[in-house]
Amino acid sequence: MWYRLFYLIGIFSVVAAGCLKSGSDRNAEKNSEDQGGAPPEITFEQVYYDFGSIKQGEKVSYSFQFENTGGSPLIIEDAYASCGCTVPEYDTTPIQPGKKGHIEVIFDSAGRRGNQYKTVILKTNSPDNKHRLTIKASVLMN
């Protein structure tokens, strides 16, 4: 009777340990196994951009450049902004190792004034799957 109880506890422990492994760890392992190499890694030229002073109502944009410095294809799974006035645009095709890409961030200053700091979060298939980009603008009243 006791051996059955210990047997069930042992099986439950193994199953539970497998279920606790995070999704990003599994994605990183899968990418490494599929490509036979290192996981993808996104390296930005810069993660902060200051537009300086702009007029209220003006739309401005900046293209954040990056490179896949890892060993397997990099996929941008999602990009979202901290505010509806900021829109990230990106390509969903995989970026091969050693290749470059960009994220276009568009800021609409309508209804804004003063110093504005906006953040864009990227979700990728890299081990550090969330990356933060920041823009700043000083919006002047007309």
N, C-alpha and C. Protein backbone atom coordinates (compact mmCIF):
# COMPACT_ATOMS: atom_id res chain seq x y z
N MET A 1 0.81 -1.19 0.00
CA MET A 1 0.00 0.00 0.00
C MET A 1 0.86 1.26 0.00
N TRP A 2 1.87 1.30 0.89
CA TRP A 2 2.72 2.48 0.98
C TRP A 2 3.54 2.69 -0.29
N TYR A 3 3.96 1.59 -0.91
CA TYR A 3 4.77 1.73 -2.11
C TYR A 3 3.96 2.38 -3.22
N ARG A 4 2.66 2.12 -3.28
CA ARG A 4 1.80 2.76 -4.28
C ARG A 4 1.73 4.27 -4.04
N LEU A 5 1.60 4.64 -2.80
CA LEU A 5 1.54 6.07 -2.45
C LEU A 5 2.84 6.77 -2.85
N PHE A 6 3.99 6.17 -2.50
CA PHE A 6 5.27 6.76 -2.87
C PHE A 6 5.46 6.79 -4.39
N TYR A 7 4.99 5.78 -5.06
CA TYR A 7 5.07 5.71 -6.52
C TYR A 7 4.26 6.86 -7.14
N LEU A 8 3.03 7.09 -6.67
CA LEU A 8 2.19 8.17 -7.18
C LEU A 8 2.79 9.55 -6.86
N ILE A 9 3.33 9.72 -5.67
CA ILE A 9 3.97 10.98 -5.32
C ILE A 9 5.17 11.24 -6.23
N GLY A 10 5.95 10.20 -6.51
CA GLY A 10 7.10 10.34 -7.40
C GLY A 10 6.68 10.74 -8.80
N ILE A 11 5.67 10.12 -9.34
CA ILE A 11 5.19 10.45 -10.69
C ILE A 11 4.63 11.87 -10.71
N PHE A 12 3.87 12.23 -9.70
CA PHE A 12 3.31 13.58 -9.62
C PHE A 12 4.43 14.62 -9.58
N SER A 13 5.50 14.35 -8.83
CA SER A 13 6.62 15.29 -8.73
C SER A 13 7.30 15.49 -10.08
N VAL A 14 7.51 14.43 -10.82
CA VAL A 14 8.16 14.53 -12.13
C VAL A 14 7.29 15.33 -13.09
N VAL A 15 5.98 15.07 -13.12
CA VAL A 15 5.06 15.78 -14.00
C VAL A 15 5.00 17.26 -13.61
N ALA A 16 4.91 17.55 -12.33
CA ALA A 16 4.83 18.94 -11.86
C ALA A 16 6.10 19.70 -12.21
N ALA A 17 7.25 19.08 -12.05
CA ALA A 17 8.52 19.75 -12.38
C ALA A 17 8.58 20.09 -13.87
N GLY A 18 8.09 19.21 -14.71
CA GLY A 18 8.06 19.47 -16.15
C GLY A 18 7.12 20.60 -16.51
N CYS A 19 6.01 20.71 -15.80
CA CYS A 19 5.03 21.76 -16.09
C CYS A 19 5.50 23.13 -15.61
N LEU A 20 6.37 23.17 -14.62
CA LEU A 20 6.83 24.44 -14.08
C LEU A 20 7.86 25.13 -14.96
N LYS A 21 8.43 24.43 -15.89
CA LYS A 21 9.45 25.04 -16.76
C LYS A 21 8.78 26.14 -17.56
N SER A 22 9.40 27.33 -17.58
CA SER A 22 8.77 28.48 -18.24
C SER A 22 8.76 28.34 -19.74
N GLY A 23 7.79 29.02 -20.37
CA GLY A 23 7.65 28.98 -21.82
C GLY A 23 8.85 29.57 -22.52
N SER A 24 9.45 30.63 -21.98
CA SER A 24 10.60 31.24 -22.65
C SER A 24 11.79 30.30 -22.63
N ASP A 25 11.95 29.51 -21.55
CA ASP A 25 13.04 28.53 -21.51
C ASP A 25 12.83 27.48 -22.59
N ARG A 26 11.58 27.04 -22.73
CA ARG A 26 11.29 26.04 -23.77
C ARG A 26 11.53 26.61 -25.15
N ASN A 27 11.13 27.89 -25.38
CA ASN A 27 11.36 28.51 -26.69
C ASN A 27 12.85 28.63 -26.98
N ALA A 28 13.63 29.04 -25.99
CA ALA A 28 15.07 29.18 -26.20
C ALA A 28 15.70 27.83 -26.51
N GLU A 29 15.30 26.79 -25.76
CA GLU A 29 15.82 25.45 -26.02
C GLU A 29 15.42 24.98 -27.41
N LYS A 30 14.17 25.21 -27.78
CA LYS A 30 13.67 24.78 -29.09
C LYS A 30 14.45 25.46 -30.20
N ASN A 31 14.68 26.77 -30.08
CA ASN A 31 15.45 27.49 -31.10
C ASN A 31 16.87 26.96 -31.19
N SER A 32 17.50 26.68 -30.04
CA SER A 32 18.86 26.17 -30.06
C SER A 32 18.91 24.79 -30.70
N GLU A 33 17.94 23.94 -30.37
CA GLU A 33 17.91 22.60 -30.93
C GLU A 33 17.62 22.64 -32.42
N ASP A 34 16.66 23.47 -32.83
CA ASP A 34 16.30 23.55 -34.24
C ASP A 34 17.46 24.04 -35.09
N GLN A 35 18.22 25.01 -34.59
CA GLN A 35 19.29 25.61 -35.36
C GLN A 35 20.64 24.97 -35.08
N GLY A 36 20.71 24.14 -34.07
CA GLY A 36 21.98 23.52 -33.74
C GLY A 36 22.99 24.51 -33.20
N GLY A 37 22.54 25.66 -32.67
CA GLY A 37 23.47 26.68 -32.18
C GLY A 37 22.88 27.47 -31.05
N ALA A 38 23.41 28.66 -30.91
CA ALA A 38 23.00 29.56 -29.84
C ALA A 38 21.62 30.14 -30.13
N PRO A 39 20.91 30.57 -29.10
CA PRO A 39 19.61 31.21 -29.30
C PRO A 39 19.77 32.59 -29.94
N PRO A 40 18.69 33.18 -30.45
CA PRO A 40 18.79 34.52 -31.03
C PRO A 40 19.06 35.55 -29.94
N GLU A 41 19.68 36.66 -30.35
CA GLU A 41 19.94 37.76 -29.41
C GLU A 41 19.81 39.07 -30.16
N ILE A 42 19.01 39.98 -29.61
CA ILE A 42 18.79 41.27 -30.25
C ILE A 42 19.71 42.30 -29.61
N THR A 43 20.46 43.04 -30.44
CA THR A 43 21.38 44.06 -29.97
C THR A 43 21.04 45.37 -30.67
N PHE A 44 20.60 46.36 -29.89
CA PHE A 44 20.21 47.65 -30.43
C PHE A 44 21.40 48.60 -30.50
N GLU A 45 21.41 49.47 -31.51
CA GLU A 45 22.41 50.52 -31.58
C GLU A 45 22.18 51.50 -30.44
N GLN A 46 20.90 51.81 -30.16
CA GLN A 46 20.52 52.62 -29.01
C GLN A 46 19.09 52.28 -28.64
N VAL A 47 18.75 52.47 -27.37
CA VAL A 47 17.41 52.14 -26.88
C VAL A 47 16.66 53.39 -26.39
N TYR A 48 17.27 54.57 -26.56
CA TYR A 48 16.65 55.82 -26.13
C TYR A 48 16.86 56.85 -27.23
N TYR A 49 15.80 57.62 -27.53
CA TYR A 49 15.93 58.69 -28.52
C TYR A 49 15.17 59.91 -28.03
N ASP A 50 15.80 61.09 -28.16
CA ASP A 50 15.20 62.36 -27.76
C ASP A 50 14.91 63.18 -29.02
N PHE A 51 13.62 63.45 -29.29
CA PHE A 51 13.23 64.26 -30.44
C PHE A 51 13.55 65.74 -30.23
N GLY A 52 13.82 66.13 -29.01
CA GLY A 52 14.04 67.54 -28.71
C GLY A 52 12.70 68.25 -28.63
N SER A 53 12.66 69.51 -29.03
CA SER A 53 11.43 70.30 -28.98
C SER A 53 10.64 70.13 -30.27
N ILE A 54 9.35 69.84 -30.13
CA ILE A 54 8.45 69.73 -31.28
C ILE A 54 7.19 70.52 -30.99
N LYS A 55 6.46 70.89 -32.04
CA LYS A 55 5.22 71.63 -31.87
C LYS A 55 4.07 70.68 -31.58
N GLN A 56 3.15 71.13 -30.73
CA GLN A 56 1.97 70.33 -30.41
C GLN A 56 1.20 70.03 -31.69
N GLY A 57 0.79 68.77 -31.86
CA GLY A 57 0.08 68.33 -33.05
C GLY A 57 0.98 67.71 -34.11
N GLU A 58 2.28 67.84 -33.94
CA GLU A 58 3.24 67.29 -34.89
C GLU A 58 3.40 65.78 -34.67
N LYS A 59 3.54 65.03 -35.77
CA LYS A 59 3.85 63.60 -35.70
C LYS A 59 5.31 63.43 -36.07
N VAL A 60 6.03 62.71 -35.21
CA VAL A 60 7.44 62.46 -35.46
C VAL A 60 7.70 60.95 -35.35
N SER A 61 8.77 60.50 -35.99
CA SER A 61 9.10 59.08 -35.90
C SER A 61 10.60 58.89 -35.83
N TYR A 62 10.98 57.74 -35.28
CA TYR A 62 12.38 57.36 -35.20
C TYR A 62 12.47 55.87 -35.44
N SER A 63 13.52 55.46 -36.15
CA SER A 63 13.74 54.05 -36.45
C SER A 63 14.89 53.52 -35.59
N PHE A 64 14.55 52.65 -34.64
CA PHE A 64 15.55 52.00 -33.79
C PHE A 64 16.15 50.83 -34.58
N GLN A 65 17.46 50.87 -34.80
CA GLN A 65 18.17 49.84 -35.56
C GLN A 65 18.68 48.76 -34.61
N PHE A 66 18.63 47.50 -35.07
CA PHE A 66 19.15 46.40 -34.26
C PHE A 66 19.78 45.34 -35.15
N GLU A 67 20.50 44.42 -34.51
CA GLU A 67 21.12 43.30 -35.21
C GLU A 67 20.85 42.03 -34.42
N ASN A 68 20.66 40.93 -35.13
CA ASN A 68 20.55 39.63 -34.48
C ASN A 68 21.97 39.11 -34.29
N THR A 69 22.49 39.22 -33.06
CA THR A 69 23.85 38.79 -32.77
C THR A 69 23.88 37.37 -32.20
N GLY A 70 22.75 36.68 -32.25
CA GLY A 70 22.68 35.31 -31.77
C GLY A 70 22.97 34.31 -32.87
N GLY A 71 22.64 33.06 -32.59
CA GLY A 71 22.95 31.98 -33.53
C GLY A 71 21.77 31.37 -34.22
N SER A 72 20.56 31.91 -34.03
CA SER A 72 19.38 31.39 -34.71
C SER A 72 18.45 32.56 -35.05
N PRO A 73 17.45 32.35 -35.92
CA PRO A 73 16.57 33.45 -36.35
C PRO A 73 15.84 34.13 -35.19
N LEU A 74 15.80 35.45 -35.27
CA LEU A 74 15.12 36.28 -34.27
C LEU A 74 13.73 36.64 -34.78
N ILE A 75 12.73 36.46 -33.93
CA ILE A 75 11.35 36.80 -34.30
C ILE A 75 10.81 37.80 -33.30
N ILE A 76 10.30 38.92 -33.81
CA ILE A 76 9.61 39.88 -32.95
C ILE A 76 8.16 39.41 -32.89
N GLU A 77 7.77 38.94 -31.73
CA GLU A 77 6.44 38.37 -31.55
C GLU A 77 5.38 39.43 -31.32
N ASP A 78 5.75 40.55 -30.66
CA ASP A 78 4.80 41.61 -30.36
C ASP A 78 5.55 42.88 -30.00
N ALA A 79 4.92 44.01 -30.21
CA ALA A 79 5.44 45.31 -29.78
C ALA A 79 4.25 46.15 -29.38
N TYR A 80 4.33 46.75 -28.20
CA TYR A 80 3.23 47.59 -27.74
C TYR A 80 3.79 48.80 -27.00
N ALA A 81 3.03 49.89 -27.07
CA ALA A 81 3.45 51.16 -26.49
C ALA A 81 2.75 51.42 -25.17
N SER A 82 3.34 52.31 -24.39
CA SER A 82 2.78 52.67 -23.09
C SER A 82 1.57 53.60 -23.23
N CYS A 83 1.33 54.11 -24.44
CA CYS A 83 0.28 55.10 -24.65
C CYS A 83 -0.23 54.98 -26.08
N GLY A 84 -1.49 55.33 -26.30
CA GLY A 84 -2.08 55.27 -27.63
C GLY A 84 -1.51 56.30 -28.60
N CYS A 85 -0.78 57.28 -28.09
CA CYS A 85 -0.18 58.30 -28.95
C CYS A 85 1.11 57.81 -29.60
N THR A 86 1.57 56.65 -29.21
CA THR A 86 2.82 56.09 -29.72
C THR A 86 2.52 54.75 -30.39
N VAL A 87 3.01 54.60 -31.62
CA VAL A 87 2.73 53.38 -32.38
C VAL A 87 4.05 52.76 -32.88
N PRO A 88 4.31 51.50 -32.50
CA PRO A 88 5.49 50.82 -33.04
C PRO A 88 5.12 50.05 -34.31
N GLU A 89 5.98 50.11 -35.31
CA GLU A 89 5.79 49.34 -36.54
C GLU A 89 7.02 48.48 -36.74
N TYR A 90 6.80 47.19 -37.05
CA TYR A 90 7.92 46.25 -37.17
C TYR A 90 7.57 45.16 -38.17
N ASP A 91 8.59 44.52 -38.66
CA ASP A 91 8.44 43.42 -39.61
C ASP A 91 8.36 42.11 -38.84
N THR A 92 7.43 41.25 -39.23
CA THR A 92 7.25 39.99 -38.51
C THR A 92 8.07 38.84 -39.10
N THR A 93 8.80 39.08 -40.19
CA THR A 93 9.62 38.01 -40.76
C THR A 93 10.85 37.79 -39.88
N PRO A 94 11.31 36.55 -39.76
CA PRO A 94 12.49 36.27 -38.92
C PRO A 94 13.74 36.99 -39.44
N ILE A 95 14.53 37.49 -38.50
CA ILE A 95 15.81 38.14 -38.81
C ILE A 95 16.89 37.08 -38.60
N GLN A 96 17.60 36.76 -39.65
CA GLN A 96 18.63 35.72 -39.59
C GLN A 96 19.84 36.20 -38.78
N PRO A 97 20.62 35.28 -38.23
CA PRO A 97 21.82 35.66 -37.48
C PRO A 97 22.74 36.55 -38.32
N GLY A 98 23.22 37.64 -37.71
CA GLY A 98 24.11 38.57 -38.39
C GLY A 98 23.41 39.62 -39.22
N LYS A 99 22.10 39.51 -39.39
CA LYS A 99 21.34 40.47 -40.19
C LYS A 99 20.77 41.56 -39.30
N LYS A 100 20.40 42.68 -39.95
CA LYS A 100 19.88 43.84 -39.22
C LYS A 100 18.39 44.04 -39.50
N GLY A 101 17.75 44.75 -38.61
CA GLY A 101 16.35 45.11 -38.75
C GLY A 101 16.10 46.43 -38.05
N HIS A 102 14.83 46.85 -38.02
CA HIS A 102 14.50 48.11 -37.36
C HIS A 102 13.06 48.07 -36.83
N ILE A 103 12.83 48.92 -35.84
CA ILE A 103 11.51 49.15 -35.26
C ILE A 103 11.24 50.64 -35.43
N GLU A 104 10.18 50.97 -36.15
CA GLU A 104 9.79 52.37 -36.36
C GLU A 104 8.82 52.76 -35.24
N VAL A 105 9.14 53.84 -34.51
CA VAL A 105 8.28 54.32 -33.43
C VAL A 105 7.75 55.69 -33.84
N ILE A 106 6.42 55.80 -33.92
CA ILE A 106 5.76 57.04 -34.34
C ILE A 106 5.05 57.65 -33.13
N PHE A 107 5.32 58.94 -32.89
CA PHE A 107 4.72 59.66 -31.76
C PHE A 107 3.87 60.79 -32.29
N ASP A 108 2.60 60.84 -31.87
CA ASP A 108 1.66 61.90 -32.24
C ASP A 108 1.50 62.81 -31.03
N SER A 109 1.94 64.06 -31.17
CA SER A 109 1.94 64.99 -30.02
C SER A 109 0.62 65.75 -29.85
N ALA A 110 -0.39 65.42 -30.63
CA ALA A 110 -1.69 66.11 -30.49
C ALA A 110 -2.23 65.92 -29.07
N GLY A 111 -2.62 67.03 -28.45
CA GLY A 111 -3.17 66.97 -27.10
C GLY A 111 -2.13 66.80 -26.01
N ARG A 112 -0.87 66.83 -26.33
CA ARG A 112 0.21 66.66 -25.34
C ARG A 112 0.92 67.99 -25.16
N ARG A 113 1.56 68.16 -24.02
CA ARG A 113 2.39 69.34 -23.80
C ARG A 113 3.43 69.02 -22.75
N GLY A 114 4.52 69.74 -22.82
CA GLY A 114 5.62 69.51 -21.88
C GLY A 114 6.45 68.29 -22.25
N ASN A 115 7.26 67.85 -21.29
CA ASN A 115 8.11 66.69 -21.53
C ASN A 115 7.29 65.41 -21.58
N GLN A 116 7.49 64.64 -22.63
CA GLN A 116 6.78 63.38 -22.82
C GLN A 116 7.80 62.26 -22.94
N TYR A 117 7.64 61.24 -22.11
CA TYR A 117 8.47 60.03 -22.18
C TYR A 117 7.54 58.88 -22.52
N LYS A 118 7.82 58.17 -23.62
CA LYS A 118 6.98 57.06 -24.04
C LYS A 118 7.86 55.82 -24.21
N THR A 119 7.28 54.68 -23.85
CA THR A 119 8.00 53.43 -23.88
C THR A 119 7.34 52.45 -24.84
N VAL A 120 8.17 51.70 -25.55
CA VAL A 120 7.70 50.60 -26.40
C VAL A 120 8.36 49.33 -25.87
N ILE A 121 7.55 48.31 -25.64
CA ILE A 121 8.05 47.01 -25.18
C ILE A 121 7.99 46.04 -26.35
N LEU A 122 9.12 45.37 -26.60
CA LEU A 122 9.18 44.33 -27.64
C LEU A 122 9.21 42.98 -26.97
N LYS A 123 8.46 42.05 -27.52
CA LYS A 123 8.51 40.67 -27.06
C LYS A 123 9.11 39.87 -28.20
N THR A 124 10.22 39.17 -27.91
CA THR A 124 10.93 38.41 -28.93
C THR A 124 11.08 36.95 -28.49
N ASN A 125 11.66 36.15 -29.37
CA ASN A 125 11.92 34.76 -29.04
C ASN A 125 13.32 34.56 -28.45
N SER A 126 13.98 35.64 -28.05
CA SER A 126 15.31 35.53 -27.42
C SER A 126 15.15 35.15 -25.95
N PRO A 127 16.20 34.65 -25.31
CA PRO A 127 16.10 34.27 -23.90
C PRO A 127 15.64 35.43 -23.01
N ASP A 128 16.16 36.64 -23.24
CA ASP A 128 15.65 37.83 -22.54
C ASP A 128 14.55 38.37 -23.43
N ASN A 129 13.37 37.82 -23.32
CA ASN A 129 12.35 38.04 -24.35
C ASN A 129 11.67 39.40 -24.34
N LYS A 130 11.88 40.25 -23.34
CA LYS A 130 11.28 41.59 -23.35
C LYS A 130 12.37 42.65 -23.40
N HIS A 131 12.18 43.62 -24.30
CA HIS A 131 13.15 44.69 -24.50
C HIS A 131 12.40 46.02 -24.51
N ARG A 132 13.01 47.05 -23.90
CA ARG A 132 12.36 48.35 -23.75
C ARG A 132 13.06 49.40 -24.60
N LEU A 133 12.26 50.14 -25.37
CA LEU A 133 12.75 51.29 -26.14
C LEU A 133 12.04 52.52 -25.59
N THR A 134 12.75 53.65 -25.49
CA THR A 134 12.16 54.86 -24.92
C THR A 134 12.40 56.04 -25.85
N ILE A 135 11.35 56.85 -26.00
CA ILE A 135 11.47 58.11 -26.74
C ILE A 135 11.11 59.26 -25.80
N LYS A 136 11.64 60.44 -26.11
CA LYS A 136 11.34 61.63 -25.32
C LYS A 136 11.10 62.77 -26.29
N ALA A 137 10.17 63.66 -25.95
CA ALA A 137 9.93 64.87 -26.74
C ALA A 137 9.48 65.96 -25.79
N SER A 138 9.89 67.16 -26.09
CA SER A 138 9.42 68.33 -25.35
C SER A 138 8.39 69.01 -26.27
N VAL A 139 7.11 68.88 -25.93
CA VAL A 139 6.04 69.38 -26.78
C VAL A 139 5.73 70.84 -26.40
N LEU A 140 5.86 71.72 -27.38
CA LEU A 140 5.64 73.15 -27.18
C LEU A 140 4.23 73.50 -27.63
N MET A 141 3.56 74.36 -26.86
CA MET A 141 2.21 74.83 -27.23
C MET A 141 2.32 75.73 -28.44
N ASN A 142 1.29 75.70 -29.29
CA ASN A 142 1.27 76.54 -30.51
C ASN A 142 1.15 78.01 -30.15
